[in-house]
Each structure stands twice: as structure tokens, then as C-alpha cells.
Amino acid sequence: MIINYKNIKLLKIHLDQFNKIKKKKKNMKTKIQKKISKNIKIARFLSLLPYK
């Protein structure tokens, strides 16, 4: 699975109901969590994901 700002389905999994980035899951490494949050921020900037 590729972590990319274009992969909206994957990024939406890591947002809660208020479109905030979820806390780290137990089985997820820190490096992956940082990539996901960085790509969520890029997707929000490009209006692919909502801020609120």
C-alpha cells in the first residue's frame, strides 16, 4: 500500500468523525504515522480533504 496524498481512501481511514488526525494506533510505527499525517496535510492544502 502506497502512502500518498492522492490515496484519499487510505487517508480518510486515519481521520476521525470531526476530520482530525487520529491518535497513533498500537500496531503502527512512528515513521508511518508521520508520513500519513504529512500527506493528510498536503491533501487538505490541495482541497482533496476537508479541514473541518
Protein backbone atom coordinates (compact mmCIF):
# COMPACT_ATOMS: atom_id res chain seq x y z
CA MET A 1 0.00 0.00 0.00
CA ILE A 2 1.41 3.36 -1.05
CA ILE A 3 1.09 6.28 1.36
CA ASN A 4 0.46 9.25 -0.89
CA TYR A 5 -1.67 12.38 -0.74
CA LYS A 6 -3.55 11.14 -3.82
CA ASN A 7 -4.74 7.99 -1.98
CA ILE A 8 -7.77 9.62 -0.36
CA LYS A 9 -9.41 6.36 0.78
CA LEU A 10 -6.36 5.44 2.86
CA LEU A 11 -6.07 8.91 4.37
CA LYS A 12 -9.78 9.06 5.29
CA ILE A 13 -9.34 5.92 7.40
CA HIS A 14 -6.97 7.88 9.64
CA LEU A 15 -9.36 10.79 10.21
CA ASP A 16 -11.99 10.81 12.95
CA GLN A 17 -15.59 11.97 12.59
CA PHE A 18 -14.53 15.63 13.00
CA ASN A 19 -11.85 15.29 10.26
CA LYS A 20 -9.00 15.47 12.75
CA ILE A 21 -6.00 13.17 12.53
CA LYS A 22 -6.46 10.15 14.80
CA LYS A 23 -4.00 9.34 17.52
CA LYS A 24 -1.35 6.71 16.87
CA LYS A 25 -2.61 3.16 16.71
CA LYS A 26 -0.85 0.48 18.73
CA ASN A 27 0.49 -1.52 15.78
CA MET A 28 1.56 1.46 13.63
CA LYS A 29 5.16 2.62 13.57
CA THR A 30 6.01 6.26 14.17
CA LYS A 31 7.58 6.65 10.72
CA ILE A 32 4.35 5.54 9.01
CA GLN A 33 2.22 7.76 11.27
CA LYS A 34 4.34 10.80 10.35
CA LYS A 35 4.02 10.01 6.62
CA ILE A 36 0.25 9.70 6.93
CA SER A 37 -0.17 12.96 8.84
CA LYS A 38 2.12 14.80 6.40
CA ASN A 39 0.14 13.53 3.42
CA ILE A 40 -3.17 14.43 5.09
CA LYS A 41 -1.92 18.00 5.49
CA ILE A 42 -0.87 18.13 1.82
CA ALA A 43 -4.25 16.75 0.71
CA ARG A 44 -6.03 19.36 2.83
CA PHE A 45 -3.93 22.14 1.28
CA LEU A 46 -4.87 20.90 -2.21
CA SER A 47 -8.57 20.71 -1.17
CA LEU A 48 -8.74 16.93 -1.57
CA LEU A 49 -9.74 16.56 2.09
CA PRO A 50 -11.78 18.97 4.21
CA TYR A 51 -10.29 20.86 7.13
CA LYS A 52 -13.47 20.70 9.21
